[in-house]
Amino acid sequence: QGGWSLERTAEQLKTTRDELIVRLRNAGFGYLLKEHVL
């Protein structure tokens, strides 16, 4: 729904981009992100 944009999705979820990235990793989706971004 956020167009696969981390910034827009974080805003929709009322969180920060970094918190969303960690949440994605914790949910098992870390492989979708580049290692340096994580």
Full PDB file with SEQRES, HELIX, SHEET, SSBOND, CRYST1, ORIGX, SCALE, CONECT and MASTER records, all heavy atoms in Angstrom:
SEQRES   1 A   38  GLN GLY GLY TRP SER LEU GLU ARG THR ALA GLU GLN LEU          
SEQRES   2 A   38  LYS THR THR ARG ASP GLU LEU ILE VAL ARG LEU ARG ASN          
SEQRES   3 A   38  ALA GLY PHE GLY TYR LEU LEU LYS GLU HIS VAL LEU              
HELIX    1 AA1 LEU A    6  GLN A   12  1                                   7    
HELIX    2 AA2 ARG A   17  LEU A   24  1                                   8    
HELIX    3 AA3 ARG A   25  PHE A   29  3                                   5    
HELIX    4 AA4 GLY A   30  LEU A   32  5                                   3    
CRYST1    1.000    1.000    1.000  90.00  90.00  90.00 P 1           1          
ORIGX1      1.000000  0.000000  0.000000        0.00000                         
ORIGX2      0.000000  1.000000  0.000000        0.00000                         
ORIGX3      0.000000  0.000000  1.000000        0.00000                         
SCALE1      1.000000  0.000000  0.000000        0.00000                         
SCALE2      0.000000  1.000000  0.000000        0.00000                         
SCALE3      0.000000  0.000000  1.000000        0.00000                         
ATOM      1  N   GLN A   1       0.824  -1.214   0.000  1.00  0.00           N  
ATOM      2  CA  GLN A   1       0.000   0.000   0.000  1.00  0.00           C  
ATOM      3  C   GLN A   1       0.855   1.261   0.000  1.00  0.00           C  
ATOM      4  O   GLN A   1       0.424   2.293  -0.492  1.00  0.00           O  
ATOM      5  CB  GLN A   1      -0.944  -0.001   1.205  1.00  0.00           C  
ATOM      6  CG  GLN A   1      -2.069  -0.990   1.066  1.00  0.00           C  
ATOM      7  CD  GLN A   1      -2.950  -1.070   2.311  1.00  0.00           C  
ATOM      8  OE1 GLN A   1      -2.588  -0.602   3.386  1.00  0.00           O  
ATOM      9  NE2 GLN A   1      -4.112  -1.678   2.154  1.00  0.00           N  
ATOM     10  N   GLY A   2       2.057   1.163   0.538  1.00  0.00           N  
ATOM     11  CA  GLY A   2       2.985   2.286   0.545  1.00  0.00           C  
ATOM     12  C   GLY A   2       3.852   2.344  -0.702  1.00  0.00           C  
ATOM     13  O   GLY A   2       4.851   3.057  -0.719  1.00  0.00           O  
ATOM     14  N   GLY A   3       3.488   1.570  -1.704  1.00  0.00           N  
ATOM     15  CA  GLY A   3       4.261   1.579  -2.948  1.00  0.00           C  
ATOM     16  C   GLY A   3       5.650   1.001  -2.782  1.00  0.00           C  
ATOM     17  O   GLY A   3       6.556   1.351  -3.520  1.00  0.00           O  
ATOM     18  N   TRP A   4       5.843   0.141  -1.799  1.00  0.00           N  
ATOM     19  CA  TRP A   4       7.120  -0.501  -1.482  1.00  0.00           C  
ATOM     20  C   TRP A   4       8.183   0.511  -1.063  1.00  0.00           C  
ATOM     21  O   TRP A   4       9.374   0.254  -1.133  1.00  0.00           O  
ATOM     22  CB  TRP A   4       7.600  -1.414  -2.619  1.00  0.00           C  
ATOM     23  CG  TRP A   4       6.593  -2.484  -2.871  1.00  0.00           C  
ATOM     24  CD1 TRP A   4       5.617  -2.479  -3.809  1.00  0.00           C  
ATOM     25  CD2 TRP A   4       6.408  -3.690  -2.112  1.00  0.00           C  
ATOM     26  NE1 TRP A   4       4.829  -3.604  -3.691  1.00  0.00           N  
ATOM     27  CE2 TRP A   4       5.296  -4.371  -2.655  1.00  0.00           C  
ATOM     28  CE3 TRP A   4       7.063  -4.252  -1.021  1.00  0.00           C  
ATOM     29  CZ2 TRP A   4       4.844  -5.583  -2.163  1.00  0.00           C  
ATOM     30  CZ3 TRP A   4       6.615  -5.461  -0.529  1.00  0.00           C  
ATOM     31  CH2 TRP A   4       5.509  -6.109  -1.108  1.00  0.00           C  
ATOM     32  N   SER A   5       7.716   1.663  -0.595  1.00  0.00           N  
ATOM     33  CA  SER A   5       8.605   2.700  -0.084  1.00  0.00           C  
ATOM     34  C   SER A   5       8.687   2.551   1.434  1.00  0.00           C  
ATOM     35  O   SER A   5       7.664   2.589   2.121  1.00  0.00           O  
ATOM     36  CB  SER A   5       8.061   4.086  -0.433  1.00  0.00           C  
ATOM     37  OG  SER A   5       8.661   5.082   0.366  1.00  0.00           O  
ATOM     38  N   LEU A   6       9.909   2.414   1.948  1.00  0.00           N  
ATOM     39  CA  LEU A   6      10.084   2.294   3.393  1.00  0.00           C  
ATOM     40  C   LEU A   6       9.620   3.551   4.117  1.00  0.00           C  
ATOM     41  O   LEU A   6       9.006   3.475   5.184  1.00  0.00           O  
ATOM     42  CB  LEU A   6      11.540   1.990   3.726  1.00  0.00           C  
ATOM     43  CG  LEU A   6      12.063   0.627   3.267  1.00  0.00           C  
ATOM     44  CD1 LEU A   6      13.565   0.521   3.506  1.00  0.00           C  
ATOM     45  CD2 LEU A   6      11.324  -0.499   3.962  1.00  0.00           C  
ATOM     46  N   GLU A   7       9.901   4.705   3.551  1.00  0.00           N  
ATOM     47  CA  GLU A   7       9.529   5.966   4.188  1.00  0.00           C  
ATOM     48  C   GLU A   7       8.013   6.104   4.284  1.00  0.00           C  
ATOM     49  O   GLU A   7       7.471   6.424   5.340  1.00  0.00           O  
ATOM     50  CB  GLU A   7      10.118   7.162   3.414  1.00  0.00           C  
ATOM     51  CG  GLU A   7      11.613   7.297   3.547  1.00  0.00           C  
ATOM     52  CD  GLU A   7      12.413   6.334   2.657  1.00  0.00           C  
ATOM     53  OE1 GLU A   7      11.827   5.652   1.784  1.00  0.00           O  
ATOM     54  OE2 GLU A   7      13.635   6.242   2.866  1.00  0.00           O  
ATOM     55  N   ARG A   8       7.302   5.874   3.166  1.00  0.00           N  
ATOM     56  CA  ARG A   8       5.837   5.990   3.174  1.00  0.00           C  
ATOM     57  C   ARG A   8       5.201   4.961   4.087  1.00  0.00           C  
ATOM     58  O   ARG A   8       4.256   5.260   4.810  1.00  0.00           O  
ATOM     59  CB  ARG A   8       5.281   5.827   1.759  1.00  0.00           C  
ATOM     60  CG  ARG A   8       5.277   7.124   0.976  1.00  0.00           C  
ATOM     61  CD  ARG A   8       4.591   6.916  -0.318  1.00  0.00           C  
ATOM     62  NE  ARG A   8       5.459   6.019  -1.090  1.00  0.00           N  
ATOM     63  CZ  ARG A   8       5.583   6.014  -2.400  1.00  0.00           C  
ATOM     64  NH1 ARG A   8       4.844   6.803  -3.116  1.00  0.00           N  
ATOM     65  NH2 ARG A   8       6.404   5.211  -3.003  1.00  0.00           N  
ATOM     66  N   THR A   9       5.725   3.733   4.063  1.00  0.00           N  
ATOM     67  CA  THR A   9       5.169   2.674   4.899  1.00  0.00           C  
ATOM     68  C   THR A   9       5.381   2.990   6.373  1.00  0.00           C  
ATOM     69  O   THR A   9       4.471   2.816   7.191  1.00  0.00           O  
ATOM     70  CB  THR A   9       5.785   1.309   4.540  1.00  0.00           C  
ATOM     71  OG1 THR A   9       5.565   1.068   3.141  1.00  0.00           O  
ATOM     72  CG2 THR A   9       5.157   0.198   5.355  1.00  0.00           C  
ATOM     73  N   ALA A  10       6.563   3.466   6.726  1.00  0.00           N  
ATOM     74  CA  ALA A  10       6.834   3.838   8.116  1.00  0.00           C  
ATOM     75  C   ALA A  10       5.884   4.938   8.563  1.00  0.00           C  
ATOM     76  O   ALA A  10       5.347   4.900   9.676  1.00  0.00           O  
ATOM     77  CB  ALA A  10       8.285   4.278   8.263  1.00  0.00           C  
ATOM     78  N   GLU A  11       5.646   5.898   7.686  1.00  0.00           N  
ATOM     79  CA  GLU A  11       4.720   6.988   8.008  1.00  0.00           C  
ATOM     80  C   GLU A  11       3.306   6.443   8.231  1.00  0.00           C  
ATOM     81  O   GLU A  11       2.635   6.829   9.185  1.00  0.00           O  
ATOM     82  CB  GLU A  11       4.733   8.006   6.857  1.00  0.00           C  
ATOM     83  CG  GLU A  11       3.958   9.269   7.151  1.00  0.00           C  
ATOM     84  CD  GLU A  11       4.061  10.269   6.010  1.00  0.00           C  
ATOM     85  OE1 GLU A  11       5.196  10.513   5.543  1.00  0.00           O  
ATOM     86  OE2 GLU A  11       3.005  10.781   5.592  1.00  0.00           O  
ATOM     87  N   GLN A  12       2.862   5.536   7.358  1.00  0.00           N  
ATOM     88  CA  GLN A  12       1.539   4.916   7.510  1.00  0.00           C  
ATOM     89  C   GLN A  12       1.421   4.189   8.842  1.00  0.00           C  
ATOM     90  O   GLN A  12       0.366   4.198   9.474  1.00  0.00           O  
ATOM     91  CB  GLN A  12       1.299   3.874   6.403  1.00  0.00           C  
ATOM     92  CG  GLN A  12       0.950   4.402   5.063  1.00  0.00           C  
ATOM     93  CD  GLN A  12       0.917   3.304   4.019  1.00  0.00           C  
ATOM     94  OE1 GLN A  12       1.061   3.606   2.874  1.00  0.00           O  
ATOM     95  NE2 GLN A  12       0.745   2.055   4.378  1.00  0.00           N  
ATOM     96  N   LEU A  13       2.507   3.520   9.243  1.00  0.00           N  
ATOM     97  CA  LEU A  13       2.505   2.738  10.481  1.00  0.00           C  
ATOM     98  C   LEU A  13       2.852   3.581  11.706  1.00  0.00           C  
ATOM     99  O   LEU A  13       2.964   3.041  12.812  1.00  0.00           O  
ATOM    100  CB  LEU A  13       3.486   1.561  10.352  1.00  0.00           C  
ATOM    101  CG  LEU A  13       3.113   0.498   9.333  1.00  0.00           C  
ATOM    102  CD1 LEU A  13       4.249  -0.503   9.157  1.00  0.00           C  
ATOM    103  CD2 LEU A  13       1.836  -0.218   9.757  1.00  0.00           C  
ATOM    104  N   LYS A  14       3.058   4.883  11.498  1.00  0.00           N  
ATOM    105  CA  LYS A  14       3.398   5.801  12.585  1.00  0.00           C  
ATOM    106  C   LYS A  14       4.640   5.332  13.351  1.00  0.00           C  
ATOM    107  O   LYS A  14       4.643   5.235  14.578  1.00  0.00           O  
ATOM    108  CB  LYS A  14       2.208   5.986  13.522  1.00  0.00           C  
ATOM    109  CG  LYS A  14       1.013   6.624  12.833  1.00  0.00           C  
ATOM    110  CD  LYS A  14      -0.159   6.763  13.752  1.00  0.00           C  
ATOM    111  CE  LYS A  14      -1.372   7.410  13.162  1.00  0.00           C  
ATOM    112  NZ  LYS A  14      -1.622   7.432  11.781  1.00  0.00           N  
ATOM    113  N   THR A  15       5.668   5.042  12.583  1.00  0.00           N  
ATOM    114  CA  THR A  15       6.947   4.616  13.135  1.00  0.00           C  
ATOM    115  C   THR A  15       8.054   5.252  12.310  1.00  0.00           C  
ATOM    116  O   THR A  15       7.777   5.993  11.366  1.00  0.00           O  
ATOM    117  CB  THR A  15       7.047   3.066  13.146  1.00  0.00           C  
ATOM    118  OG1 THR A  15       8.190   2.675  13.883  1.00  0.00           O  
ATOM    119  CG2 THR A  15       7.094   2.485  11.751  1.00  0.00           C  
ATOM    120  N   THR A  16       9.284   4.974  12.654  1.00  0.00           N  
ATOM    121  CA  THR A  16      10.388   5.517  11.870  1.00  0.00           C  
ATOM    122  C   THR A  16      10.830   4.487  10.828  1.00  0.00           C  
ATOM    123  O   THR A  16      10.523   3.289  10.940  1.00  0.00           O  
ATOM    124  CB  THR A  16      11.602   5.844  12.764  1.00  0.00           C  
ATOM    125  OG1 THR A  16      12.138   4.623  13.281  1.00  0.00           O  
ATOM    126  CG2 THR A  16      11.217   6.778  13.896  1.00  0.00           C  
ATOM    127  N   ARG A  17      11.557   4.961   9.855  1.00  0.00           N  
ATOM    128  CA  ARG A  17      12.081   4.078   8.812  1.00  0.00           C  
ATOM    129  C   ARG A  17      12.989   3.018   9.431  1.00  0.00           C  
ATOM    130  O   ARG A  17      12.909   1.850   9.088  1.00  0.00           O  
ATOM    131  CB  ARG A  17      12.853   4.912   7.790  1.00  0.00           C  
ATOM    132  CG  ARG A  17      13.468   4.134   6.660  1.00  0.00           C  
ATOM    133  CD  ARG A  17      14.202   5.090   5.716  1.00  0.00           C  
ATOM    134  NE  ARG A  17      14.715   4.405   4.558  1.00  0.00           N  
ATOM    135  CZ  ARG A  17      15.914   3.822   4.491  1.00  0.00           C  
ATOM    136  NH1 ARG A  17      16.709   3.854   5.540  1.00  0.00           N  
ATOM    137  NH2 ARG A  17      16.307   3.225   3.388  1.00  0.00           N  
ATOM    138  N   ASP A  18      13.839   3.426  10.356  1.00  0.00           N  
ATOM    139  CA  ASP A  18      14.760   2.472  10.994  1.00  0.00           C  
ATOM    140  C   ASP A  18      14.001   1.412  11.792  1.00  0.00           C  
ATOM    141  O   ASP A  18      14.346   0.228  11.754  1.00  0.00           O  
ATOM    142  CB  ASP A  18      15.754   3.203  11.890  1.00  0.00           C  
ATOM    143  CG  ASP A  18      16.761   4.026  11.087  1.00  0.00           C  
ATOM    144  OD1 ASP A  18      16.946   3.732   9.886  1.00  0.00           O  
ATOM    145  OD2 ASP A  18      17.345   4.959  11.668  1.00  0.00           O  
ATOM    146  N   GLU A  19      12.968   1.834  12.516  1.00  0.00           N  
ATOM    147  CA  GLU A  19      12.170   0.862  13.286  1.00  0.00           C  
ATOM    148  C   GLU A  19      11.455  -0.117  12.351  1.00  0.00           C  
ATOM    149  O   GLU A  19      11.342  -1.302  12.654  1.00  0.00           O  
ATOM    150  CB  GLU A  19      11.177   1.586  14.192  1.00  0.00           C  
ATOM    151  CG  GLU A  19      11.845   2.293  15.342  1.00  0.00           C  
ATOM    152  CD  GLU A  19      10.932   3.245  16.105  1.00  0.00           C  
ATOM    153  OE1 GLU A  19       9.937   3.726  15.523  1.00  0.00           O  
ATOM    154  OE2 GLU A  19      11.237   3.511  17.274  1.00  0.00           O  
ATOM    155  N   LEU A  20      10.988   0.396  11.212  1.00  0.00           N  
ATOM    156  CA  LEU A  20      10.345  -0.484  10.231  1.00  0.00           C  
ATOM    157  C   LEU A  20      11.347  -1.488   9.672  1.00  0.00           C  
ATOM    158  O   LEU A  20      11.033  -2.670   9.524  1.00  0.00           O  
ATOM    159  CB  LEU A  20       9.723   0.328   9.092  1.00  0.00           C  
ATOM    160  CG  LEU A  20       9.128  -0.485   7.944  1.00  0.00           C  
ATOM    161  CD1 LEU A  20       7.997  -1.401   8.439  1.00  0.00           C  
ATOM    162  CD2 LEU A  20       8.619   0.436   6.837  1.00  0.00           C  
ATOM    163  N   ILE A  21      12.538  -1.042   9.390  1.00  0.00           N  
ATOM    164  CA  ILE A  21      13.571  -1.939   8.861  1.00  0.00           C  
ATOM    165  C   ILE A  21      13.856  -3.065   9.854  1.00  0.00           C  
ATOM    166  O   ILE A  21      13.919  -4.244   9.479  1.00  0.00           O  
ATOM    167  CB  ILE A  21      14.857  -1.144   8.517  1.00  0.00           C  
ATOM    168  CG1 ILE A  21      14.619  -0.295   7.269  1.00  0.00           C  
ATOM    169  CG2 ILE A  21      16.050  -2.074   8.325  1.00  0.00           C  
ATOM    170  CD1 ILE A  21      15.706   0.712   6.966  1.00  0.00           C  
ATOM    171  N   VAL A  22      13.998  -2.729  11.120  1.00  0.00           N  
ATOM    172  CA  VAL A  22      14.252  -3.750  12.136  1.00  0.00           C  
ATOM    173  C   VAL A  22      13.037  -4.670  12.288  1.00  0.00           C  
ATOM    174  O   VAL A  22      13.171  -5.884  12.436  1.00  0.00           O  
ATOM    175  CB  VAL A  22      14.648  -3.092  13.481  1.00  0.00           C  
ATOM    176  CG1 VAL A  22      14.677  -4.112  14.612  1.00  0.00           C  
ATOM    177  CG2 VAL A  22      15.999  -2.405  13.334  1.00  0.00           C  
ATOM    178  N   ARG A  23      11.848  -4.093  12.203  1.00  0.00           N  
ATOM    179  CA  ARG A  23      10.618  -4.912  12.268  1.00  0.00           C  
ATOM    180  C   ARG A  23      10.556  -5.898  11.103  1.00  0.00           C  
ATOM    181  O   ARG A  23      10.184  -7.059  11.283  1.00  0.00           O  
ATOM    182  CB  ARG A  23       9.408  -3.978  12.251  1.00  0.00           C  
ATOM    183  CG  ARG A  23       8.088  -4.639  12.469  1.00  0.00           C  
ATOM    184  CD  ARG A  23       7.000  -3.592  12.583  1.00  0.00           C  
ATOM    185  NE  ARG A  23       5.689  -4.208  12.588  1.00  0.00           N  
ATOM    186  CZ  ARG A  23       4.567  -3.527  12.583  1.00  0.00           C  
ATOM    187  NH1 ARG A  23       4.580  -2.205  12.612  1.00  0.00           N  
ATOM    188  NH2 ARG A  23       3.408  -4.165  12.558  1.00  0.00           N  
ATOM    189  N   LEU A  24      10.947  -5.440   9.926  1.00  0.00           N  
ATOM    190  CA  LEU A  24      10.975  -6.331   8.759  1.00  0.00           C  
ATOM    191  C   LEU A  24      11.983  -7.454   8.971  1.00  0.00           C  
ATOM    192  O   LEU A  24      11.705  -8.622   8.690  1.00  0.00           O  
ATOM    193  CB  LEU A  24      11.307  -5.545   7.490  1.00  0.00           C  
ATOM    194  CG  LEU A  24      10.202  -4.645   6.956  1.00  0.00           C  
ATOM    195  CD1 LEU A  24      10.745  -3.686   5.902  1.00  0.00           C  
ATOM    196  CD2 LEU A  24       9.056  -5.474   6.400  1.00  0.00           C  
ATOM    197  N   ARG A  25      13.146  -7.119   9.491  1.00  0.00           N  
ATOM    198  CA  ARG A  25      14.153  -8.145   9.768  1.00  0.00           C  
ATOM    199  C   ARG A  25      13.630  -9.150  10.793  1.00  0.00           C  
ATOM    200  O   ARG A  25      13.743 -10.350  10.611  1.00  0.00           O  
ATOM    201  CB  ARG A  25      15.439  -7.507  10.277  1.00  0.00           C  
ATOM    202  CG  ARG A  25      16.568  -8.550  10.401  1.00  0.00           C  
ATOM    203  CD  ARG A  25      17.511  -8.372  11.536  1.00  0.00           C  
ATOM    204  NE  ARG A  25      16.835  -8.180  12.801  1.00  0.00           N  
ATOM    205  CZ  ARG A  25      17.286  -7.399  13.759  1.00  0.00           C  
ATOM    206  NH1 ARG A  25      18.400  -6.735  13.609  1.00  0.00           N  
ATOM    207  NH2 ARG A  25      16.621  -7.268  14.890  1.00  0.00           N  
ATOM    208  N   ASN A  26      13.013  -8.653  11.863  1.00  0.00           N  
ATOM    209  CA  ASN A  26      12.493  -9.526  12.912  1.00  0.00           C  
ATOM    210  C   ASN A  26      11.358 -10.421  12.419  1.00  0.00           C  
ATOM    211  O   ASN A  26      11.154 -11.511  12.955  1.00  0.00           O  
ATOM    212  CB  ASN A  26      12.022  -8.710  14.117  1.00  0.00           C  
ATOM    213  CG  ASN A  26      13.166  -8.046  14.839  1.00  0.00           C  
ATOM    214  OD1 ASN A  26      14.331  -8.409  14.662  1.00  0.00           O  
ATOM    215  ND2 ASN A  26      12.856  -7.047  15.643  1.00  0.00           N  
ATOM    216  N   ALA A  27      10.648  -9.966  11.392  1.00  0.00           N  
ATOM    217  CA  ALA A  27       9.561 -10.763  10.819  1.00  0.00           C  
ATOM    218  C   ALA A  27      10.066 -11.783   9.800  1.00  0.00           C  
ATOM    219  O   ALA A  27       9.295 -12.548   9.245  1.00  0.00           O  
ATOM    220  CB  ALA A  27       8.530  -9.843  10.159  1.00  0.00           C  
ATOM    221  N   GLY A  28      11.378 -11.771   9.554  1.00  0.00           N  
ATOM    222  CA  GLY A  28      11.947 -12.732   8.617  1.00  0.00           C  
ATOM    223  C   GLY A  28      12.125 -12.198   7.214  1.00  0.00           C  
ATOM    224  O   GLY A  28      12.409 -12.949   6.283  1.00  0.00           O  
ATOM    225  N   PHE A  29      11.993 -10.874   7.051  1.00  0.00           N  
ATOM    226  CA  PHE A  29      12.126 -10.272   5.730  1.00  0.00           C  
ATOM    227  C   PHE A  29      13.438  -9.517   5.550  1.00  0.00           C  
ATOM    228  O   PHE A  29      13.577  -8.707   4.643  1.00  0.00           O  
ATOM    229  CB  PHE A  29      10.954  -9.329   5.440  1.00  0.00           C  
ATOM    230  CG  PHE A  29       9.634 -10.025   5.314  1.00  0.00           C  
ATOM    231  CD1 PHE A  29       8.554  -9.623   6.081  1.00  0.00           C  
ATOM    232  CD2 PHE A  29       9.465 -11.080   4.444  1.00  0.00           C  
ATOM    233  CE1 PHE A  29       7.331 -10.254   5.973  1.00  0.00           C  
ATOM    234  CE2 PHE A  29       8.248 -11.727   4.330  1.00  0.00           C  
ATOM    235  CZ  PHE A  29       7.178 -11.313   5.097  1.00  0.00           C  
ATOM    236  N   GLY A  30      14.404  -9.779   6.405  1.00  0.00           N  
ATOM    237  CA  GLY A  30      15.686  -9.098   6.303  1.00  0.00           C  
ATOM    238  C   GLY A  30      16.363  -9.320   4.963  1.00  0.00           C  
ATOM    239  O   GLY A  30      17.076  -8.448   4.470  1.00  0.00           O  
ATOM    240  N   TYR A  31      16.109 -10.466   4.358  1.00  0.00           N  
ATOM    241  CA  TYR A  31      16.732 -10.775   3.062  1.00  0.00           C  
ATOM    242  C   TYR A  31      16.250  -9.845   1.947  1.00  0.00           C  
ATOM    243  O   TYR A  31      16.870  -9.764   0.881  1.00  0.00           O  
ATOM    244  CB  TYR A  31      16.475 -12.240   2.678  1.00  0.00           C  
ATOM    245  CG  TYR A  31      15.028 -12.558   2.416  1.00  0.00           C  
ATOM    246  CD1 TYR A  31      14.490 -12.456   1.143  1.00  0.00           C  
ATOM    247  CD2 TYR A  31      14.186 -12.953   3.450  1.00  0.00           C  
ATOM    248  CE1 TYR A  31      13.170 -12.736   0.896  1.00  0.00           C  
ATOM    249  CE2 TYR A  31      12.865 -13.246   3.219  1.00  0.00           C  
ATOM    250  CZ  TYR A  31      12.350 -13.130   1.944  1.00  0.00           C  
ATOM    251  OH  TYR A  31      11.026 -13.403   1.717  1.00  0.00           O  
ATOM    252  N   LEU A  32      15.170  -9.126   2.176  1.00  0.00           N  
ATOM    253  CA  LEU A  32      14.667  -8.190   1.169  1.00  0.00           C  
ATOM    254  C   LEU A  32      15.459  -6.881   1.144  1.00  0.00           C  
ATOM    255  O   LEU A  32      15.346  -6.110   0.205  1.00  0.00           O  
ATOM    256  CB  LEU A  32      13.192  -7.858   1.433  1.00  0.00           C  
ATOM    257  CG  LEU A  32      12.195  -9.012   1.314  1.00  0.00           C  
ATOM    258  CD1 LEU A  32      10.808  -8.555   1.732  1.00  0.00           C  
ATOM    259  CD2 LEU A  32      12.178  -9.556  -0.107  1.00  0.00           C  
ATOM    260  N   LEU A  33      16.232  -6.666   2.204  1.00  0.00           N  
ATOM    261  CA  LEU A  33      16.972  -5.415   2.334  1.00  0.00           C  
ATOM    262  C   LEU A  33      18.471  -5.663   2.191  1.00  0.00           C  
ATOM    263  O   LEU A  33      18.968  -6.721   2.568  1.00  0.00           O  
ATOM    264  CB  LEU A  33      16.685  -4.793   3.702  1.00  0.00           C  
ATOM    265  CG  LEU A  33      15.203  -4.523   3.985  1.00  0.00           C  
ATOM    266  CD1 LEU A  33      14.984  -4.271   5.457  1.00  0.00           C  
ATOM    267  CD2 LEU A  33      14.715  -3.354   3.150  1.00  0.00           C  
ATOM    268  N   LYS A  34      19.161  -4.674   1.675  1.00  0.00           N  
ATOM    269  CA  LYS A  34      20.617  -4.792   1.565  1.00  0.00           C  
ATOM    270  C   LYS A  34      21.227  -4.779   2.961  1.00  0.00           C  
ATOM    271  O   LYS A  34      20.730  -4.107   3.862  1.00  0.00           O  
ATOM    272  CB  LYS A  34      21.175  -3.665   0.715  1.00  0.00           C  
ATOM    273  CG  LYS A  34      20.691  -3.754  -0.716  1.00  0.00           C  
ATOM    274  CD  LYS A  34      21.453  -2.832  -1.606  1.00  0.00           C  
ATOM    275  CE  LYS A  34      20.868  -2.969  -2.986  1.00  0.00           C  
ATOM    276  NZ  LYS A  34      21.782  -3.032  -4.022  1.00  0.00           N  
ATOM    277  N   GLU A  35      22.295  -5.526   3.120  1.00  0.00           N  
ATOM    278  CA  GLU A  35      22.932  -5.690   4.429  1.00  0.00           C  
ATOM    279  C   GLU A  35      23.346  -4.352   5.039  1.00  0.00           C  
ATOM    280  O   GLU A  35      23.150  -4.125   6.232  1.00  0.00           O  
ATOM    281  CB  GLU A  35      24.142  -6.626   4.301  1.00  0.00           C  
ATOM    282  CG  GLU A  35      24.749  -7.012   5.618  1.00  0.00           C  
ATOM    283  CD  GLU A  35      23.826  -7.844   6.510  1.00  0.00           C  
ATOM    284  OE1 GLU A  35      22.989  -8.604   5.983  1.00  0.00           O  
ATOM    285  OE2 GLU A  35      23.942  -7.720   7.732  1.00  0.00           O  
ATOM    286  N   HIS A  36      23.889  -3.455   4.231  1.00  0.00           N  
ATOM    287  CA  HIS A  36      24.333  -2.162   4.779  1.00  0.00           C  
ATOM    288  C   HIS A  36      23.151  -1.317   5.253  1.00  0.00           C  
ATOM    289  O   HIS A  36      23.282  -0.534   6.192  1.00  0.00           O  
ATOM    290  CB  HIS A  36      25.212  -1.401   3.769  1.00  0.00           C  
ATOM    291  CG  HIS A  36      24.463  -0.797   2.629  1.00  0.00           C  
ATOM    292  ND1 HIS A  36      24.125  -1.507   1.490  1.00  0.00           N  
ATOM    293  CD2 HIS A  36      23.973   0.455   2.459  1.00  0.00           C  
ATOM    294  CE1 HIS A  36      23.469  -0.713   0.667  1.00  0.00           C  
ATOM    295  NE2 HIS A  36      23.350   0.468   1.226  1.00  0.00           N  
ATOM    296  N   VAL A  37      21.989  -1.464   4.638  1.00  0.00           N  
ATOM    297  CA  VAL A  37      20.789  -0.738   5.067  1.00  0.00           C  
ATOM    298  C   VAL A  37      20.335  -1.261   6.433  1.00  0.00           C  
ATOM    299  O   VAL A  37      20.024  -0.481   7.339  1.00  0.00           O  
ATOM    300  CB  VAL A  37      19.660  -0.881   4.017  1.00  0.00           C  
ATOM    301  CG1 VAL A  37      18.353  -0.298   4.525  1.00  0.00           C  
ATOM    302  CG2 VAL A  37      20.078  -0.223   2.705  1.00  0.00           C  
ATOM    303  N   LEU A  38      20.336  -2.581   6.584  1.00  0.00           N  
ATOM    304  CA  LEU A  38      19.974  -3.195   7.872  1.00  0.00           C  
ATOM    305  C   LEU A  38      20.921  -2.754   8.982  1.00  0.00           C  
ATOM    306  O   LEU A  38      20.481  -2.336  10.055  1.00  0.00           O  
ATOM    307  CB  LEU A  38      20.035  -4.721   7.750  1.00  0.00           C  
ATOM    308  CG  LEU A  38      18.781  -5.453   7.347  1.00  0.00           C  
ATOM    309  CD1 LEU A  38      19.089  -6.916   7.080  1.00  0.00           C  
ATOM    310  CD2 LEU A  38      17.722  -5.316   8.390  1.00  0.00           C  
TER     311      LEU A  38                                                      
MASTER        0    0    0    4    0    0    0    6  310    1    0    3          
END                                                                             
